[in-house]
N, C-alpha and C. Protein backbone atom coordinates (compact mmCIF):
# COMPACT_ATOMS: atom_id res chain seq x y z
N MET A 1 1.24 24.39 40.05
CA MET A 1 2.49 24.56 39.35
C MET A 1 2.97 23.37 38.81
N ALA A 2 2.94 22.32 39.84
CA ALA A 2 3.43 20.88 39.57
C ALA A 2 2.61 20.34 38.51
N LYS A 3 1.28 20.53 38.46
CA LYS A 3 0.40 20.05 37.51
C LYS A 3 0.75 20.49 36.12
N THR A 4 0.96 21.94 36.07
CA THR A 4 1.29 22.50 34.73
C THR A 4 2.62 22.03 34.37
N SER A 5 3.61 21.84 35.19
CA SER A 5 4.89 21.27 34.79
C SER A 5 4.69 19.82 34.17
N LYS A 6 3.97 18.94 34.82
CA LYS A 6 3.73 17.67 34.58
C LYS A 6 3.14 17.59 33.02
N HIS A 7 2.16 18.52 32.89
CA HIS A 7 1.50 18.59 31.57
C HIS A 7 2.46 19.06 30.35
N GLY A 8 3.36 20.05 30.82
CA GLY A 8 4.29 20.42 29.92
C GLY A 8 5.25 19.35 29.45
N ARG A 9 5.82 18.39 30.53
CA ARG A 9 6.52 17.39 30.22
C ARG A 9 6.03 16.43 29.32
N ARG A 10 4.63 16.10 29.50
CA ARG A 10 3.86 15.12 28.80
C ARG A 10 3.84 15.58 27.38
N THR A 11 3.48 16.90 27.07
CA THR A 11 3.48 17.49 25.75
C THR A 11 4.82 17.40 25.06
N TRP A 12 5.76 17.67 25.81
CA TRP A 12 7.11 17.47 25.17
C TRP A 12 7.51 16.09 24.82
N GLN A 13 7.21 15.09 25.61
CA GLN A 13 7.40 13.73 25.36
C GLN A 13 6.64 13.34 24.15
N ILE A 14 5.34 13.75 23.95
CA ILE A 14 4.63 13.33 22.90
C ILE A 14 5.26 13.94 21.52
N THR A 15 5.66 15.25 21.65
CA THR A 15 6.30 15.84 20.48
C THR A 15 7.66 15.19 20.09
N ILE A 16 8.44 14.88 21.01
CA ILE A 16 9.51 14.04 20.85
C ILE A 16 9.38 12.71 20.01
N ALA A 17 8.29 12.01 20.50
CA ALA A 17 7.79 10.77 20.05
C ALA A 17 7.38 10.84 18.69
N ILE A 18 6.59 11.79 18.17
CA ILE A 18 6.20 12.14 16.99
C ILE A 18 7.33 12.42 16.00
N LEU A 19 8.25 13.42 16.48
CA LEU A 19 9.38 13.82 15.60
C LEU A 19 10.21 12.46 15.43
N SER A 20 10.36 11.74 16.47
CA SER A 20 11.34 10.52 16.17
C SER A 20 10.76 9.52 15.18
N ALA A 21 9.44 9.43 15.31
CA ALA A 21 8.78 8.37 14.43
C ALA A 21 8.83 9.02 12.99
N ALA A 22 8.55 10.29 12.82
CA ALA A 22 8.77 10.78 11.39
C ALA A 22 10.21 10.79 10.89
N ALA A 23 11.19 10.97 11.81
CA ALA A 23 12.52 10.88 11.30
C ALA A 23 12.76 9.29 11.00
N CYS A 24 12.24 8.35 11.61
CA CYS A 24 12.42 6.95 11.30
C CYS A 24 11.82 6.62 9.85
N VAL A 25 10.72 7.29 9.76
CA VAL A 25 9.96 6.93 8.48
C VAL A 25 10.80 7.54 7.20
N LEU A 26 11.28 8.80 7.44
CA LEU A 26 12.04 9.36 6.44
C LEU A 26 13.39 8.59 6.08
N PHE A 27 14.02 8.09 7.18
CA PHE A 27 15.24 7.45 7.09
C PHE A 27 14.95 6.03 6.30
N ALA A 28 13.82 5.41 6.67
CA ALA A 28 13.45 4.12 6.11
C ALA A 28 13.28 4.31 4.72
N CYS A 29 12.58 5.27 4.24
CA CYS A 29 12.29 5.57 2.88
C CYS A 29 13.58 5.79 2.04
N TYR A 30 14.47 6.53 2.64
CA TYR A 30 15.67 6.81 2.09
C TYR A 30 16.54 5.53 1.77
N LEU A 31 16.66 4.67 2.76
CA LEU A 31 17.42 3.54 2.73
C LEU A 31 16.69 2.48 1.83
N TYR A 32 15.36 2.45 1.70
CA TYR A 32 14.57 1.61 0.79
C TYR A 32 15.05 1.88 -0.56
N VAL A 33 15.03 3.21 -0.97
CA VAL A 33 15.35 3.42 -2.43
C VAL A 33 16.82 3.17 -2.59
N ASP A 34 17.67 3.35 -1.78
CA ASP A 34 19.09 2.95 -2.13
C ASP A 34 19.13 1.42 -2.22
N SER A 35 18.42 0.58 -1.32
CA SER A 35 18.58 -0.76 -1.46
C SER A 35 17.93 -1.30 -2.74
N GLN A 36 16.94 -0.66 -3.30
CA GLN A 36 16.27 -1.00 -4.65
C GLN A 36 17.13 -0.58 -5.87
N THR A 37 18.03 0.18 -5.71
CA THR A 37 18.83 0.78 -6.75
C THR A 37 20.38 0.60 -6.86
N ASN A 38 20.71 -0.18 -5.76
CA ASN A 38 22.16 -0.43 -5.69
C ASN A 38 22.77 -1.03 -6.93
N SER A 39 22.04 -1.99 -7.46
CA SER A 39 22.74 -2.72 -8.64
C SER A 39 22.37 -2.06 -9.93
N LEU A 40 21.85 -0.79 -9.89
CA LEU A 40 21.46 -0.15 -11.12
C LEU A 40 22.21 1.21 -11.31
N VAL A 41 23.03 1.61 -10.46
CA VAL A 41 23.87 2.75 -10.31
C VAL A 41 25.22 2.50 -10.72
N TYR A 42 25.89 3.19 -11.74
CA TYR A 42 27.23 2.91 -12.31
C TYR A 42 28.09 4.19 -12.09
N THR A 43 29.26 3.93 -12.30
CA THR A 43 30.19 5.10 -12.63
C THR A 43 30.26 5.38 -14.17
N ILE A 44 31.05 6.27 -14.60
CA ILE A 44 31.12 6.54 -16.00
C ILE A 44 31.95 5.26 -16.60
N GLU A 45 32.87 4.92 -15.84
CA GLU A 45 33.84 3.79 -16.35
C GLU A 45 32.95 2.45 -16.37
N THR A 46 32.09 2.11 -15.52
CA THR A 46 31.53 0.87 -15.32
C THR A 46 30.09 0.82 -16.26
N ALA A 47 29.67 2.01 -16.66
CA ALA A 47 28.32 2.02 -17.17
C ALA A 47 28.22 1.29 -18.42
N PRO A 48 27.06 0.51 -18.59
CA PRO A 48 26.76 -0.26 -19.72
C PRO A 48 26.41 0.73 -21.03
N TYR A 49 26.33 0.28 -22.04
CA TYR A 49 25.77 1.00 -23.37
C TYR A 49 24.36 1.20 -23.03
N SER A 50 23.85 2.52 -23.34
CA SER A 50 22.43 2.80 -23.50
C SER A 50 22.32 3.68 -24.62
N ARG A 51 21.38 3.48 -25.47
CA ARG A 51 21.03 4.38 -26.59
C ARG A 51 20.89 5.91 -26.30
N VAL A 52 20.07 5.98 -25.13
CA VAL A 52 19.78 7.35 -24.68
C VAL A 52 20.25 7.60 -23.31
N GLY A 53 20.88 8.76 -23.20
CA GLY A 53 21.22 9.22 -21.79
C GLY A 53 20.32 10.57 -21.39
N LEU A 54 19.63 10.33 -20.33
CA LEU A 54 18.78 11.30 -19.75
C LEU A 54 19.47 12.32 -18.78
N VAL A 55 19.60 13.46 -19.12
CA VAL A 55 20.39 14.46 -18.23
C VAL A 55 19.35 15.29 -17.51
N LEU A 56 19.41 15.16 -16.11
CA LEU A 56 18.33 15.94 -15.39
C LEU A 56 18.77 17.20 -15.12
N GLY A 57 17.97 18.14 -15.40
CA GLY A 57 18.47 19.69 -15.27
C GLY A 57 18.56 20.20 -14.01
N THR A 58 19.37 21.19 -13.83
CA THR A 58 19.43 22.12 -12.59
C THR A 58 20.06 23.46 -13.12
N SER A 59 19.83 24.35 -12.24
CA SER A 59 20.33 25.78 -12.55
C SER A 59 21.76 25.84 -12.85
N ARG A 60 22.25 26.60 -13.83
CA ARG A 60 23.58 26.64 -14.15
C ARG A 60 24.34 27.49 -13.15
N ALA A 61 23.63 28.36 -12.45
CA ALA A 61 24.32 29.28 -11.34
C ALA A 61 23.66 28.96 -10.04
N ARG A 62 24.26 29.23 -9.07
CA ARG A 62 23.84 29.16 -7.58
C ARG A 62 22.93 30.45 -7.35
N SER A 63 21.94 30.26 -6.57
CA SER A 63 21.25 31.40 -6.16
C SER A 63 22.01 32.52 -5.40
N SER A 64 23.15 32.07 -4.81
CA SER A 64 24.01 32.98 -4.06
C SER A 64 25.12 33.56 -4.98
N GLY A 65 25.05 33.20 -6.14
CA GLY A 65 26.24 33.66 -7.19
C GLY A 65 27.26 32.60 -7.41
N GLY A 66 27.71 32.64 -8.65
CA GLY A 66 28.91 31.67 -8.78
C GLY A 66 28.21 30.54 -9.66
N PHE A 67 29.13 29.72 -10.12
CA PHE A 67 28.69 28.51 -10.88
C PHE A 67 28.29 27.20 -9.93
N ASN A 68 27.23 26.64 -10.55
CA ASN A 68 26.61 25.44 -9.79
C ASN A 68 27.45 24.20 -10.06
N SER A 69 28.19 23.74 -9.16
CA SER A 69 28.96 22.52 -9.44
C SER A 69 28.11 21.33 -9.81
N TYR A 70 26.85 21.07 -9.31
CA TYR A 70 25.97 20.00 -9.71
C TYR A 70 25.83 20.06 -11.14
N TYR A 71 25.42 21.18 -11.70
CA TYR A 71 25.37 21.32 -13.13
C TYR A 71 26.55 20.91 -13.82
N LEU A 72 27.82 21.55 -13.54
CA LEU A 72 28.92 21.30 -14.30
C LEU A 72 29.36 19.86 -14.17
N GLU A 73 29.19 19.15 -13.20
CA GLU A 73 29.64 17.56 -13.08
C GLU A 73 28.58 16.83 -14.02
N ARG A 74 27.36 17.28 -14.06
CA ARG A 74 26.38 16.55 -15.00
C ARG A 74 26.69 16.68 -16.50
N MET A 75 27.07 17.96 -16.83
CA MET A 75 27.47 18.15 -18.13
C MET A 75 28.73 17.32 -18.50
N ARG A 76 29.88 17.38 -17.60
CA ARG A 76 31.01 16.67 -17.87
C ARG A 76 30.74 15.23 -18.07
N ALA A 77 29.86 14.69 -17.17
CA ALA A 77 29.57 13.25 -17.30
C ALA A 77 28.90 12.90 -18.55
N ALA A 78 27.90 13.72 -19.08
CA ALA A 78 27.11 13.47 -20.12
C ALA A 78 28.06 13.54 -21.40
N ALA A 79 28.92 14.51 -21.41
CA ALA A 79 29.80 14.56 -22.63
C ALA A 79 30.80 13.40 -22.66
N GLU A 80 31.28 13.03 -21.48
CA GLU A 80 32.22 11.92 -21.45
C GLU A 80 31.62 10.65 -21.86
N LEU A 81 30.42 10.39 -21.43
CA LEU A 81 29.68 9.13 -21.84
C LEU A 81 29.50 9.20 -23.35
N TYR A 82 29.08 10.38 -23.96
CA TYR A 82 28.88 10.40 -25.31
C TYR A 82 30.29 10.19 -25.98
N ALA A 83 31.38 10.74 -25.55
CA ALA A 83 32.62 10.58 -26.31
C ALA A 83 33.22 9.11 -26.17
N ARG A 84 32.76 8.45 -25.07
CA ARG A 84 33.33 6.98 -24.90
C ARG A 84 32.47 6.04 -25.67
N GLY A 85 31.34 6.58 -26.38
CA GLY A 85 30.33 5.66 -27.07
C GLY A 85 29.55 4.93 -26.11
N LYS A 86 29.27 5.40 -24.94
CA LYS A 86 28.26 4.62 -24.00
C LYS A 86 26.93 5.14 -24.09
N VAL A 87 26.63 6.31 -24.71
CA VAL A 87 25.31 6.77 -25.20
C VAL A 87 25.48 7.31 -26.59
N LYS A 88 24.46 7.29 -27.36
CA LYS A 88 24.45 7.80 -28.59
C LYS A 88 23.48 9.20 -28.70
N LEU A 89 22.56 9.21 -27.87
CA LEU A 89 21.64 10.27 -27.92
C LEU A 89 21.38 10.89 -26.49
N LEU A 90 21.39 12.29 -26.24
CA LEU A 90 21.21 12.97 -24.98
C LEU A 90 19.85 13.63 -25.02
N LEU A 91 19.06 13.23 -24.07
CA LEU A 91 17.80 13.92 -23.82
C LEU A 91 17.89 14.77 -22.69
N LEU A 92 17.95 16.04 -22.79
CA LEU A 92 18.01 17.16 -21.80
C LEU A 92 16.73 17.62 -21.20
N SER A 93 16.37 17.31 -19.96
CA SER A 93 15.10 17.40 -19.30
C SER A 93 15.25 18.43 -18.25
N GLY A 94 14.49 19.48 -18.48
CA GLY A 94 14.67 20.51 -17.33
C GLY A 94 13.46 21.49 -17.41
N ASP A 95 13.66 22.53 -16.64
CA ASP A 95 12.66 23.55 -16.44
C ASP A 95 12.73 24.75 -17.49
N ASN A 96 11.67 25.08 -18.13
CA ASN A 96 11.75 26.15 -19.03
C ASN A 96 10.53 27.11 -18.47
N ARG A 97 10.73 27.74 -17.23
CA ARG A 97 9.52 28.29 -16.62
C ARG A 97 9.30 29.72 -17.19
N SER A 98 10.23 30.22 -17.87
CA SER A 98 10.05 31.51 -18.58
C SER A 98 11.07 31.66 -19.73
N VAL A 99 10.96 32.83 -20.35
CA VAL A 99 11.85 33.09 -21.57
C VAL A 99 13.29 33.33 -21.10
N ASP A 100 13.31 33.78 -19.77
CA ASP A 100 14.67 34.17 -19.18
C ASP A 100 15.37 32.83 -18.49
N TYR A 101 14.60 31.84 -18.35
CA TYR A 101 15.19 30.65 -17.63
C TYR A 101 14.74 29.43 -18.43
N ASN A 102 15.77 28.73 -18.91
CA ASN A 102 15.64 27.63 -19.86
C ASN A 102 16.73 26.62 -19.55
N GLU A 103 16.64 25.72 -18.73
CA GLU A 103 17.63 24.73 -18.37
C GLU A 103 18.00 23.89 -19.50
N PRO A 104 17.12 23.26 -20.41
CA PRO A 104 17.50 22.52 -21.52
C PRO A 104 18.39 23.22 -22.51
N ALA A 105 18.02 24.43 -22.79
CA ALA A 105 18.76 25.19 -23.74
C ALA A 105 20.20 25.58 -23.17
N MET A 106 20.25 25.80 -21.91
CA MET A 106 21.50 26.04 -21.42
C MET A 106 22.45 24.74 -21.45
N MET A 107 21.85 23.61 -21.10
CA MET A 107 22.74 22.35 -21.25
C MET A 107 23.06 21.88 -22.58
N LYS A 108 22.08 22.31 -23.56
CA LYS A 108 22.52 22.02 -25.07
C LYS A 108 23.57 22.86 -25.40
N LYS A 109 23.65 24.24 -25.13
CA LYS A 109 24.69 24.96 -25.63
C LYS A 109 26.08 24.53 -24.92
N ASP A 110 26.09 24.16 -23.62
CA ASP A 110 27.32 23.77 -23.12
C ASP A 110 27.73 22.28 -23.53
N LEU A 111 26.87 21.44 -23.81
CA LEU A 111 27.27 20.24 -24.33
C LEU A 111 27.69 20.21 -25.79
N MET A 112 27.19 21.15 -26.48
CA MET A 112 27.65 21.28 -27.88
C MET A 112 29.03 21.80 -27.93
N ARG A 113 29.41 22.80 -26.89
CA ARG A 113 30.68 23.20 -26.71
C ARG A 113 31.70 22.05 -26.28
N MET A 114 31.19 21.10 -25.71
CA MET A 114 32.06 19.96 -25.18
C MET A 114 32.09 18.90 -26.22
N GLY A 115 31.56 19.10 -27.45
CA GLY A 115 31.74 18.27 -28.69
C GLY A 115 30.56 17.30 -28.93
N VAL A 116 29.47 17.41 -28.22
CA VAL A 116 28.25 16.63 -28.59
C VAL A 116 27.54 17.32 -29.75
N PRO A 117 27.24 16.50 -30.81
CA PRO A 117 26.63 17.21 -32.10
C PRO A 117 25.18 17.57 -31.73
N GLU A 118 24.73 18.58 -32.29
CA GLU A 118 23.35 19.08 -32.09
C GLU A 118 22.37 18.09 -32.47
N SER A 119 22.59 17.35 -33.54
CA SER A 119 21.72 16.19 -34.09
C SER A 119 21.56 15.11 -33.12
N ASN A 120 22.41 14.96 -32.10
CA ASN A 120 22.29 13.99 -31.17
C ASN A 120 21.78 14.40 -29.84
N ILE A 121 21.24 15.56 -29.77
CA ILE A 121 20.54 16.30 -28.61
C ILE A 121 19.09 16.63 -28.77
N ALA A 122 18.35 16.32 -27.77
CA ALA A 122 16.98 16.62 -27.75
C ALA A 122 16.73 17.28 -26.42
N MET A 123 15.66 18.21 -26.44
CA MET A 123 15.32 18.94 -25.36
C MET A 123 13.91 18.68 -24.73
N ASP A 124 13.68 18.41 -23.56
CA ASP A 124 12.40 18.26 -23.06
C ASP A 124 12.15 19.50 -22.08
N PHE A 125 11.41 20.43 -22.48
CA PHE A 125 11.26 21.75 -21.79
C PHE A 125 10.19 21.58 -20.64
N ALA A 126 9.64 20.49 -20.49
CA ALA A 126 8.53 20.27 -19.41
C ALA A 126 9.00 19.28 -18.26
N GLY A 127 10.30 19.21 -18.11
CA GLY A 127 10.86 18.48 -17.14
C GLY A 127 10.94 19.24 -15.72
N PHE A 128 9.74 19.63 -15.22
CA PHE A 128 9.63 20.54 -14.19
C PHE A 128 10.25 20.00 -13.03
N ASP A 129 10.32 18.67 -12.71
CA ASP A 129 10.91 17.98 -11.64
C ASP A 129 11.30 16.57 -12.02
N THR A 130 11.92 15.86 -11.13
CA THR A 130 12.48 14.53 -11.51
C THR A 130 11.41 13.66 -11.92
N TYR A 131 10.28 13.66 -11.12
CA TYR A 131 9.12 12.66 -11.52
C TYR A 131 8.65 12.97 -12.84
N ASP A 132 8.36 14.25 -13.17
CA ASP A 132 7.89 14.72 -14.62
C ASP A 132 8.93 14.25 -15.69
N SER A 133 10.20 14.50 -15.46
CA SER A 133 11.32 14.03 -16.33
C SER A 133 11.16 12.59 -16.67
N MET A 134 11.05 11.87 -15.65
CA MET A 134 11.17 10.27 -15.86
C MET A 134 9.79 9.94 -16.59
N ILE A 135 8.63 10.32 -16.15
CA ILE A 135 7.34 9.77 -16.86
C ILE A 135 7.26 10.28 -18.20
N ARG A 136 7.78 11.61 -18.47
CA ARG A 136 7.78 12.04 -19.87
C ARG A 136 8.82 11.34 -20.81
N ALA A 137 9.80 10.96 -20.18
CA ALA A 137 10.89 10.24 -20.95
C ALA A 137 10.20 9.00 -21.73
N HIS A 138 9.35 8.39 -20.81
CA HIS A 138 8.66 7.10 -21.32
C HIS A 138 7.35 7.48 -22.15
N LYS A 139 6.66 8.26 -21.71
CA LYS A 139 5.21 8.53 -22.31
C LYS A 139 5.43 9.45 -23.51
N VAL A 140 6.16 10.36 -23.39
CA VAL A 140 6.21 11.42 -24.56
C VAL A 140 7.36 11.09 -25.64
N TRP A 141 8.54 10.64 -24.91
CA TRP A 141 9.74 10.49 -25.81
C TRP A 141 9.81 8.92 -26.17
N GLY A 142 8.91 8.13 -25.65
CA GLY A 142 9.00 6.73 -26.05
C GLY A 142 10.01 5.81 -25.58
N MET A 143 10.73 6.23 -24.48
CA MET A 143 11.90 5.41 -23.97
C MET A 143 11.42 4.28 -23.15
N ASP A 144 11.92 3.09 -23.61
CA ASP A 144 11.61 1.86 -22.91
C ASP A 144 12.83 1.48 -21.96
N SER A 145 14.04 2.02 -22.32
CA SER A 145 15.24 1.95 -21.50
C SER A 145 15.96 3.29 -21.58
N VAL A 146 16.74 3.67 -20.50
CA VAL A 146 17.40 4.86 -20.48
C VAL A 146 18.52 4.89 -19.35
N MET A 147 19.43 5.70 -19.64
CA MET A 147 20.48 5.93 -18.68
C MET A 147 20.42 7.33 -18.12
N VAL A 148 20.13 7.37 -16.87
CA VAL A 148 19.94 8.72 -16.25
C VAL A 148 21.36 9.24 -15.73
N ILE A 149 21.63 10.51 -15.86
CA ILE A 149 22.68 10.99 -15.46
C ILE A 149 22.58 12.19 -14.43
N SER A 150 23.09 12.02 -13.14
CA SER A 150 22.99 13.17 -12.13
C SER A 150 23.74 12.63 -10.92
N GLN A 151 23.80 13.40 -9.81
CA GLN A 151 24.63 12.91 -8.68
C GLN A 151 23.90 11.69 -8.13
N ASP A 152 24.66 11.01 -7.34
CA ASP A 152 24.28 9.64 -6.74
C ASP A 152 23.03 9.79 -5.96
N PHE A 153 22.92 10.61 -5.15
CA PHE A 153 21.71 10.73 -4.18
C PHE A 153 20.45 11.08 -4.98
N HIS A 154 20.61 11.89 -6.15
CA HIS A 154 19.48 12.12 -7.02
C HIS A 154 19.24 11.19 -8.00
N VAL A 155 20.11 10.59 -8.62
CA VAL A 155 19.97 9.66 -9.69
C VAL A 155 19.18 8.30 -9.25
N ARG A 156 19.40 7.91 -8.02
CA ARG A 156 18.73 6.78 -7.47
C ARG A 156 17.23 6.92 -7.41
N ARG A 157 16.77 8.16 -7.07
CA ARG A 157 15.30 8.46 -7.03
C ARG A 157 14.82 8.42 -8.61
N ALA A 158 15.45 8.94 -9.51
CA ALA A 158 15.10 9.07 -10.82
C ALA A 158 15.10 7.48 -11.39
N VAL A 159 16.00 6.64 -10.97
CA VAL A 159 16.05 5.30 -11.47
C VAL A 159 14.96 4.50 -10.85
N TYR A 160 14.58 4.81 -9.54
CA TYR A 160 13.44 4.01 -8.99
C TYR A 160 12.25 4.35 -9.64
N ILE A 161 11.95 5.64 -10.03
CA ILE A 161 10.90 6.13 -10.69
C ILE A 161 10.61 5.32 -11.99
N GLY A 162 11.74 5.37 -12.79
CA GLY A 162 11.77 4.79 -14.06
C GLY A 162 11.36 3.30 -14.11
N ASN A 163 11.94 2.69 -13.22
CA ASN A 163 11.69 1.20 -13.03
C ASN A 163 10.33 0.82 -12.52
N ARG A 164 9.75 1.70 -11.99
CA ARG A 164 8.35 1.50 -11.58
C ARG A 164 7.16 2.09 -12.43
N ARG A 165 7.79 2.64 -13.50
CA ARG A 165 6.80 3.32 -14.55
C ARG A 165 7.11 2.94 -16.02
N GLY A 166 7.34 1.62 -16.15
CA GLY A 166 7.52 1.12 -17.49
C GLY A 166 8.77 1.16 -18.23
N MET A 167 9.79 1.60 -17.64
CA MET A 167 11.10 1.55 -18.27
C MET A 167 12.12 0.74 -17.47
N TYR A 168 13.15 0.25 -18.27
CA TYR A 168 14.43 -0.15 -17.60
C TYR A 168 15.33 1.00 -17.57
N ALA A 169 15.61 1.48 -16.33
CA ALA A 169 16.35 2.53 -16.04
C ALA A 169 17.56 2.31 -15.15
N VAL A 170 18.69 2.76 -15.66
CA VAL A 170 20.03 2.69 -14.89
C VAL A 170 20.40 4.08 -14.72
N GLY A 171 21.40 4.26 -13.81
CA GLY A 171 21.85 5.63 -13.62
C GLY A 171 23.42 5.78 -13.54
N VAL A 172 23.91 6.78 -14.08
CA VAL A 172 25.33 7.09 -13.70
C VAL A 172 25.48 8.26 -12.75
N ALA A 173 26.22 7.87 -11.79
CA ALA A 173 26.51 8.88 -10.71
C ALA A 173 27.57 9.85 -10.92
N THR A 174 27.29 11.07 -11.09
CA THR A 174 28.45 11.92 -11.44
C THR A 174 29.12 12.18 -10.13
N ARG A 175 30.33 12.98 -10.30
CA ARG A 175 31.07 13.35 -9.12
C ARG A 175 30.21 14.43 -8.22
N GLU A 176 30.46 14.26 -6.98
CA GLU A 176 29.85 15.27 -6.06
C GLU A 176 30.69 16.46 -5.89
N PRO A 177 30.04 17.61 -5.72
CA PRO A 177 30.79 18.83 -5.38
C PRO A 177 31.62 18.59 -4.05
N ALA A 178 32.60 19.46 -3.83
CA ALA A 178 33.43 19.49 -2.63
C ALA A 178 32.47 19.42 -1.43
N GLY A 179 32.87 18.66 -0.49
CA GLY A 179 31.99 18.70 0.82
C GLY A 179 31.14 17.42 0.84
N TRP A 180 30.93 16.95 1.99
CA TRP A 180 30.16 15.70 2.13
C TRP A 180 28.69 15.80 2.31
N PHE A 181 28.16 17.04 2.45
CA PHE A 181 26.76 17.18 2.59
C PHE A 181 26.43 18.49 2.06
N SER A 182 25.12 18.66 1.71
CA SER A 182 24.69 19.93 1.14
C SER A 182 23.27 19.99 1.39
N VAL A 183 22.59 21.26 1.17
CA VAL A 183 21.07 21.36 1.20
C VAL A 183 20.43 20.48 0.33
N ALA A 184 20.91 20.46 -1.04
CA ALA A 184 20.41 19.37 -1.83
C ALA A 184 20.27 18.05 -1.36
N GLN A 185 21.15 17.57 -0.74
CA GLN A 185 21.15 16.15 -0.15
C GLN A 185 20.14 16.11 1.02
N LEU A 186 20.02 17.15 1.74
CA LEU A 186 19.05 17.25 2.79
C LEU A 186 17.72 17.13 2.26
N ARG A 187 17.42 17.93 1.13
CA ARG A 187 16.01 17.98 0.59
C ARG A 187 15.69 16.58 -0.16
N GLU A 188 16.84 15.90 -0.43
CA GLU A 188 16.58 14.56 -1.01
C GLU A 188 15.83 13.60 0.04
N VAL A 189 15.92 13.80 1.21
CA VAL A 189 15.46 12.96 2.19
C VAL A 189 13.93 13.04 2.16
N PHE A 190 13.53 14.23 2.00
CA PHE A 190 12.11 14.61 1.88
C PHE A 190 11.53 14.16 0.48
N ALA A 191 12.36 14.42 -0.52
CA ALA A 191 11.92 14.16 -1.91
C ALA A 191 11.61 12.66 -2.09
N ARG A 192 12.49 11.86 -1.44
CA ARG A 192 12.15 10.41 -1.51
C ARG A 192 10.86 9.93 -1.06
N LEU A 193 10.54 10.60 0.03
CA LEU A 193 9.16 10.24 0.72
C LEU A 193 8.10 10.64 -0.24
N LYS A 194 8.18 11.80 -0.72
CA LYS A 194 7.27 12.24 -1.66
C LYS A 194 7.07 11.47 -2.97
N MET A 195 8.29 11.08 -3.50
CA MET A 195 8.39 10.25 -4.67
C MET A 195 7.60 8.93 -4.42
N LEU A 196 7.97 8.22 -3.19
CA LEU A 196 7.22 6.89 -2.97
C LEU A 196 5.70 7.14 -2.92
N ALA A 197 5.27 8.39 -2.31
CA ALA A 197 3.72 8.58 -2.29
C ALA A 197 3.31 8.70 -3.75
N ASP A 198 3.94 9.49 -4.60
CA ASP A 198 3.59 9.65 -5.85
C ASP A 198 3.49 8.44 -6.66
N VAL A 199 4.42 7.52 -6.59
CA VAL A 199 4.40 6.27 -7.36
C VAL A 199 3.55 5.29 -6.83
N HIS A 200 3.38 5.05 -5.48
CA HIS A 200 2.51 3.86 -5.01
C HIS A 200 1.36 4.22 -4.40
N ILE A 201 1.06 5.53 -4.02
CA ILE A 201 -0.10 5.89 -3.55
C ILE A 201 -1.06 6.75 -4.20
N LEU A 202 -0.47 7.91 -4.78
CA LEU A 202 -1.13 8.86 -5.70
C LEU A 202 -1.16 8.57 -7.15
N HIS A 203 -0.15 7.76 -7.56
CA HIS A 203 -0.07 7.43 -8.92
C HIS A 203 -0.15 8.73 -9.76
N SER A 204 0.65 9.74 -9.45
CA SER A 204 0.71 11.02 -9.96
C SER A 204 1.05 11.00 -11.39
N GLN A 205 0.65 11.93 -12.13
CA GLN A 205 0.88 12.26 -13.53
C GLN A 205 1.72 13.57 -13.74
N PRO A 206 2.50 13.78 -14.72
CA PRO A 206 3.28 14.97 -14.91
C PRO A 206 2.23 16.16 -15.09
N ARG A 207 2.64 17.32 -14.77
CA ARG A 207 1.95 18.44 -14.83
C ARG A 207 1.49 18.74 -16.49
N TYR A 208 2.42 18.29 -17.26
CA TYR A 208 2.07 18.45 -18.73
C TYR A 208 2.62 17.12 -19.52
N LEU A 209 1.94 16.62 -20.31
CA LEU A 209 2.36 15.49 -21.19
C LEU A 209 2.52 16.06 -22.64
N GLY A 210 1.43 16.26 -23.34
CA GLY A 210 1.51 16.85 -24.75
C GLY A 210 1.73 15.68 -25.64
N PRO A 211 1.96 16.15 -26.87
CA PRO A 211 2.15 15.12 -28.08
C PRO A 211 3.46 14.31 -27.98
N LYS A 212 3.64 13.25 -28.73
CA LYS A 212 4.80 12.47 -28.75
C LYS A 212 6.01 13.33 -29.40
N GLU A 213 7.16 12.97 -28.95
CA GLU A 213 8.35 13.71 -29.52
C GLU A 213 9.23 12.73 -29.98
N ILE A 214 10.10 13.15 -30.87
CA ILE A 214 11.23 12.15 -31.33
C ILE A 214 12.67 12.86 -31.45
N PHE A 215 13.61 12.35 -31.39
CA PHE A 215 14.84 12.96 -31.48
C PHE A 215 15.22 13.30 -32.94
N PRO A 216 15.97 14.55 -33.09
CA PRO A 216 16.34 14.80 -34.36
C PRO A 216 17.10 13.68 -35.21
N ALA A 217 17.94 12.95 -34.40
CA ALA A 217 18.72 11.85 -34.96
C ALA A 217 17.81 10.60 -35.34
N ASP A 218 16.64 10.61 -34.81
CA ASP A 218 15.81 9.46 -35.06
C ASP A 218 15.46 9.33 -36.55
N THR A 219 15.46 10.47 -37.16
CA THR A 219 15.11 10.80 -38.71
C THR A 219 16.27 10.08 -39.52
N VAL A 220 17.51 9.98 -38.93
CA VAL A 220 18.61 9.46 -39.74
C VAL A 220 19.06 8.16 -39.19
N GLY A 221 18.38 7.44 -38.46
CA GLY A 221 18.65 6.03 -37.94
C GLY A 221 19.61 5.77 -37.04
N VAL A 222 19.97 6.71 -36.06
CA VAL A 222 20.99 6.45 -35.02
C VAL A 222 20.38 5.28 -34.12
N GLN A 223 21.21 4.32 -34.01
CA GLN A 223 20.89 3.12 -33.10
C GLN A 223 21.62 3.14 -31.76
């Protein structure tokens, strides 16, 4: 009995040690991305001029019902940046997984209601995740520099990817929904670890690249 109890304690100690080490790695990765992007993330008021604002997509509605505050704040920020003259063009990158689910089209519709001209909007329908959105912005849309628009915890990961994949990327942190923590922020802890592996170890490519794209406004010389 004593031997079994001792073995059980040993197993428990090993389990705790492994979990503690994993937590330390996750926390270190999270803080590392923060440290690398602190000077590159702005508010709407302090943001520098950028020709293109890249708006990262998310669902318009929550799975539990009701409006998604993350989505609303991204649209508000993008429209305000355009109105202030801090961006001239908006690239809306999101998931178009089916005919019934189209993040870029939803964003375009709402941004046009907020006063952004259709000619200054382009849609990337293959932004299946943040990594794909950033790589495609550079390789498909020809972006050498870009301003990424999303919540602070999310935009830092996008900015990190962009600056490690051939672009000069800055971010504008939109307002956070009410409450200091969310499931999305918890997921971000794991997403940053995966992102660092994609960038530095796996050198991952987007699920879909396809032909080069241009903005509608590029044909009329918007600078």
